[in-house]
Structures are given as structure tokens and as C-alpha cells.
Amino acid sequence: MEHVPDAPYIREAEMYGYPADDPVKCEVCGRECEEVYLDEDDSVVGCDECIRRKDAQEWAEEKRQMEDF
């Protein structure tokens, strides 16, 4: 079986790596992110770096406890 050389773009990728995409930065915190979160008007409200997720019932209970304090 005859050896077929790799295409030039494959050899180049092996030697130099793939070109990096420009990182996406959050409009709110400015950090690089993978996901952004939008409101109903499609405005960015944060990203996977600056927003954390919390159970709604847990959050409401903590809020009630703070009000009773």
C-alpha cells in the first residue's frame, strides 16, 4: 500500500496548532466565557463566570429568614 502524504493544512495544524478563535468576553464582567445569559429583550445579564445558579425555593427561604431578622 502506497503512503499518501497528509494535506498541507493538516501538516500545518500538527506543527503550529489550530488557530485560536477570538475569545468571547462577557459584556457584564469582561471575563472570557463559554455561555452568556440573556433577558427577554436579548440583553446580556451575565455569563457562566459571573452568574451562579441557585434553587428558587432555597433562595426564597433565605430571603424570608433575612427579613425576619
N, C-alpha and C. Protein backbone atom coordinates (compact mmCIF):
# COMPACT_ATOMS: atom_id res chain seq x y z
N MET A 1 0.84 -1.18 0.00
CA MET A 1 0.00 0.00 0.00
C MET A 1 0.89 1.25 0.00
N GLU A 2 0.55 2.16 -0.83
CA GLU A 2 1.33 3.37 -1.01
C GLU A 2 1.00 4.40 0.07
N HIS A 3 2.03 5.08 0.57
CA HIS A 3 1.84 6.12 1.59
C HIS A 3 1.37 7.41 0.91
N VAL A 4 0.26 7.93 1.38
CA VAL A 4 -0.27 9.18 0.85
C VAL A 4 0.02 10.26 1.88
N PRO A 5 0.75 11.30 1.50
CA PRO A 5 1.07 12.35 2.48
C PRO A 5 -0.19 13.12 2.89
N ASP A 6 -0.11 13.65 4.11
CA ASP A 6 -1.22 14.48 4.61
C ASP A 6 -1.32 15.76 3.79
N ALA A 7 -2.51 16.29 3.77
CA ALA A 7 -2.73 17.57 3.10
C ALA A 7 -1.93 18.65 3.83
N PRO A 8 -1.53 19.71 3.13
CA PRO A 8 -0.72 20.76 3.76
C PRO A 8 -1.37 21.37 5.00
N TYR A 9 -2.70 21.54 5.00
CA TYR A 9 -3.33 22.16 6.17
C TYR A 9 -3.26 21.24 7.39
N ILE A 10 -3.21 19.94 7.18
CA ILE A 10 -3.08 19.00 8.30
C ILE A 10 -1.67 19.08 8.87
N ARG A 11 -0.66 19.08 8.00
CA ARG A 11 0.73 19.20 8.48
C ARG A 11 0.93 20.51 9.23
N GLU A 12 0.35 21.59 8.71
CA GLU A 12 0.48 22.90 9.36
C GLU A 12 -0.18 22.88 10.73
N ALA A 13 -1.35 22.27 10.85
CA ALA A 13 -2.05 22.20 12.14
C ALA A 13 -1.25 21.37 13.14
N GLU A 14 -0.60 20.31 12.67
CA GLU A 14 0.23 19.48 13.57
C GLU A 14 1.45 20.25 14.06
N MET A 15 2.03 21.05 13.18
CA MET A 15 3.24 21.79 13.55
C MET A 15 2.95 23.01 14.41
N TYR A 16 1.90 23.76 14.07
CA TYR A 16 1.67 25.05 14.71
C TYR A 16 0.41 25.10 15.56
N GLY A 17 -0.40 24.07 15.52
CA GLY A 17 -1.66 24.08 16.26
C GLY A 17 -2.76 24.75 15.45
N TYR A 18 -3.94 24.59 15.91
CA TYR A 18 -5.08 25.20 15.23
C TYR A 18 -5.15 26.68 15.58
N PRO A 19 -5.59 27.51 14.67
CA PRO A 19 -5.71 28.93 15.01
C PRO A 19 -6.75 29.14 16.10
N ALA A 20 -6.40 29.93 17.06
CA ALA A 20 -7.32 30.19 18.18
C ALA A 20 -8.41 31.16 17.73
N ASP A 21 -9.63 30.84 18.10
CA ASP A 21 -10.72 31.79 17.87
C ASP A 21 -10.57 32.93 18.85
N ASP A 22 -11.05 34.10 18.47
CA ASP A 22 -11.03 35.20 19.41
C ASP A 22 -11.92 34.84 20.58
N PRO A 23 -11.43 34.98 21.81
CA PRO A 23 -12.27 34.61 22.96
C PRO A 23 -13.46 35.56 23.09
N VAL A 24 -14.57 35.00 23.51
CA VAL A 24 -15.77 35.80 23.74
C VAL A 24 -15.70 36.32 25.16
N LYS A 25 -15.94 37.60 25.34
CA LYS A 25 -15.91 38.20 26.67
C LYS A 25 -17.29 38.69 27.05
N CYS A 26 -17.64 38.50 28.30
CA CYS A 26 -18.94 38.91 28.84
C CYS A 26 -19.03 40.44 28.86
N GLU A 27 -20.17 40.96 28.45
CA GLU A 27 -20.38 42.41 28.48
C GLU A 27 -20.52 42.94 29.90
N VAL A 28 -20.86 42.06 30.86
CA VAL A 28 -21.08 42.50 32.23
C VAL A 28 -19.78 42.48 33.04
N CYS A 29 -19.09 41.32 33.06
CA CYS A 29 -17.89 41.20 33.90
C CYS A 29 -16.58 41.32 33.13
N GLY A 30 -16.62 41.15 31.81
CA GLY A 30 -15.42 41.28 30.99
C GLY A 30 -14.55 40.04 30.92
N ARG A 31 -14.94 38.96 31.61
CA ARG A 31 -14.14 37.73 31.57
C ARG A 31 -14.49 36.89 30.35
N GLU A 32 -13.53 36.04 29.94
CA GLU A 32 -13.79 35.10 28.87
C GLU A 32 -14.84 34.11 29.34
N CYS A 33 -15.76 33.73 28.45
CA CYS A 33 -16.83 32.84 28.87
C CYS A 33 -17.23 31.90 27.75
N GLU A 34 -17.94 30.85 28.14
CA GLU A 34 -18.47 29.88 27.19
C GLU A 34 -19.94 30.15 26.88
N GLU A 35 -20.68 30.67 27.86
CA GLU A 35 -22.11 30.93 27.69
C GLU A 35 -22.46 32.31 28.23
N VAL A 36 -23.40 32.98 27.58
CA VAL A 36 -23.93 34.22 28.10
C VAL A 36 -25.42 34.01 28.38
N TYR A 37 -25.94 34.74 29.35
CA TYR A 37 -27.35 34.65 29.71
C TYR A 37 -28.04 35.95 29.32
N LEU A 38 -29.20 35.81 28.68
CA LEU A 38 -29.93 36.95 28.15
C LEU A 38 -31.27 37.10 28.86
N ASP A 39 -31.77 38.35 28.92
CA ASP A 39 -33.12 38.56 29.42
C ASP A 39 -34.10 38.48 28.25
N GLU A 40 -35.36 38.78 28.51
CA GLU A 40 -36.37 38.64 27.45
C GLU A 40 -36.18 39.62 26.30
N ASP A 41 -35.38 40.68 26.51
CA ASP A 41 -35.09 41.64 25.44
C ASP A 41 -33.79 41.33 24.71
N ASP A 42 -33.23 40.15 24.96
CA ASP A 42 -31.95 39.70 24.39
C ASP A 42 -30.77 40.56 24.82
N SER A 43 -30.87 41.20 25.97
CA SER A 43 -29.74 41.93 26.55
C SER A 43 -28.96 40.97 27.45
N VAL A 44 -27.64 41.06 27.41
CA VAL A 44 -26.80 40.20 28.24
C VAL A 44 -26.94 40.61 29.70
N VAL A 45 -27.24 39.64 30.57
CA VAL A 45 -27.32 39.91 32.01
C VAL A 45 -26.17 39.28 32.77
N GLY A 46 -25.36 38.48 32.10
CA GLY A 46 -24.21 37.86 32.73
C GLY A 46 -23.74 36.66 31.93
N CYS A 47 -22.81 35.92 32.52
CA CYS A 47 -22.23 34.76 31.84
C CYS A 47 -22.02 33.63 32.82
N ASP A 48 -21.47 32.53 32.32
CA ASP A 48 -21.20 31.38 33.17
C ASP A 48 -20.09 31.66 34.18
N GLU A 49 -19.40 32.76 34.06
CA GLU A 49 -18.36 33.14 35.02
C GLU A 49 -18.88 34.05 36.12
N CYS A 50 -19.87 34.89 35.84
CA CYS A 50 -20.29 35.88 36.84
C CYS A 50 -21.69 35.64 37.40
N ILE A 51 -22.39 34.64 36.89
CA ILE A 51 -23.72 34.32 37.43
C ILE A 51 -23.67 32.92 38.02
N ARG A 52 -24.27 32.77 39.18
CA ARG A 52 -24.35 31.43 39.75
C ARG A 52 -25.80 31.02 39.86
N ARG A 53 -26.02 29.75 39.87
CA ARG A 53 -27.36 29.19 39.88
C ARG A 53 -27.74 28.80 41.30
N LYS A 54 -29.01 29.02 41.67
CA LYS A 54 -29.49 28.67 43.00
C LYS A 54 -30.94 28.23 42.89
N ASP A 55 -31.30 27.23 43.68
CA ASP A 55 -32.67 26.75 43.72
C ASP A 55 -33.59 27.88 44.19
N ALA A 56 -34.70 28.09 43.48
CA ALA A 56 -35.61 29.20 43.78
C ALA A 56 -36.22 29.07 45.17
N GLN A 57 -36.60 27.86 45.58
CA GLN A 57 -37.19 27.66 46.91
C GLN A 57 -36.17 27.97 48.01
N GLU A 58 -34.96 27.53 47.82
CA GLU A 58 -33.88 27.79 48.77
C GLU A 58 -33.62 29.29 48.89
N TRP A 59 -33.59 29.97 47.75
CA TRP A 59 -33.36 31.42 47.74
C TRP A 59 -34.49 32.16 48.47
N ALA A 60 -35.75 31.75 48.20
CA ALA A 60 -36.90 32.40 48.84
C ALA A 60 -36.88 32.19 50.35
N GLU A 61 -36.51 31.00 50.79
CA GLU A 61 -36.43 30.72 52.23
C GLU A 61 -35.36 31.57 52.89
N GLU A 62 -34.20 31.68 52.27
CA GLU A 62 -33.13 32.53 52.81
C GLU A 62 -33.57 33.99 52.88
N LYS A 63 -34.29 34.44 51.87
CA LYS A 63 -34.78 35.82 51.85
C LYS A 63 -35.76 36.05 53.00
N ARG A 64 -36.68 35.09 53.21
CA ARG A 64 -37.64 35.21 54.33
C ARG A 64 -36.91 35.26 55.67
N GLN A 65 -35.91 34.42 55.83
CA GLN A 65 -35.16 34.39 57.08
C GLN A 65 -34.44 35.72 57.33
N MET A 66 -33.92 36.34 56.28
CA MET A 66 -33.26 37.63 56.43
C MET A 66 -34.24 38.74 56.80
N GLU A 67 -35.48 38.66 56.27
CA GLU A 67 -36.48 39.66 56.59
C GLU A 67 -36.95 39.52 58.03
N ASP A 68 -36.99 38.29 58.56
CA ASP A 68 -37.40 38.06 59.94
C ASP A 68 -36.33 38.49 60.93
N PHE A 69 -35.14 38.64 60.49
CA PHE A 69 -34.02 39.01 61.34
C PHE A 69 -34.15 40.38 61.82
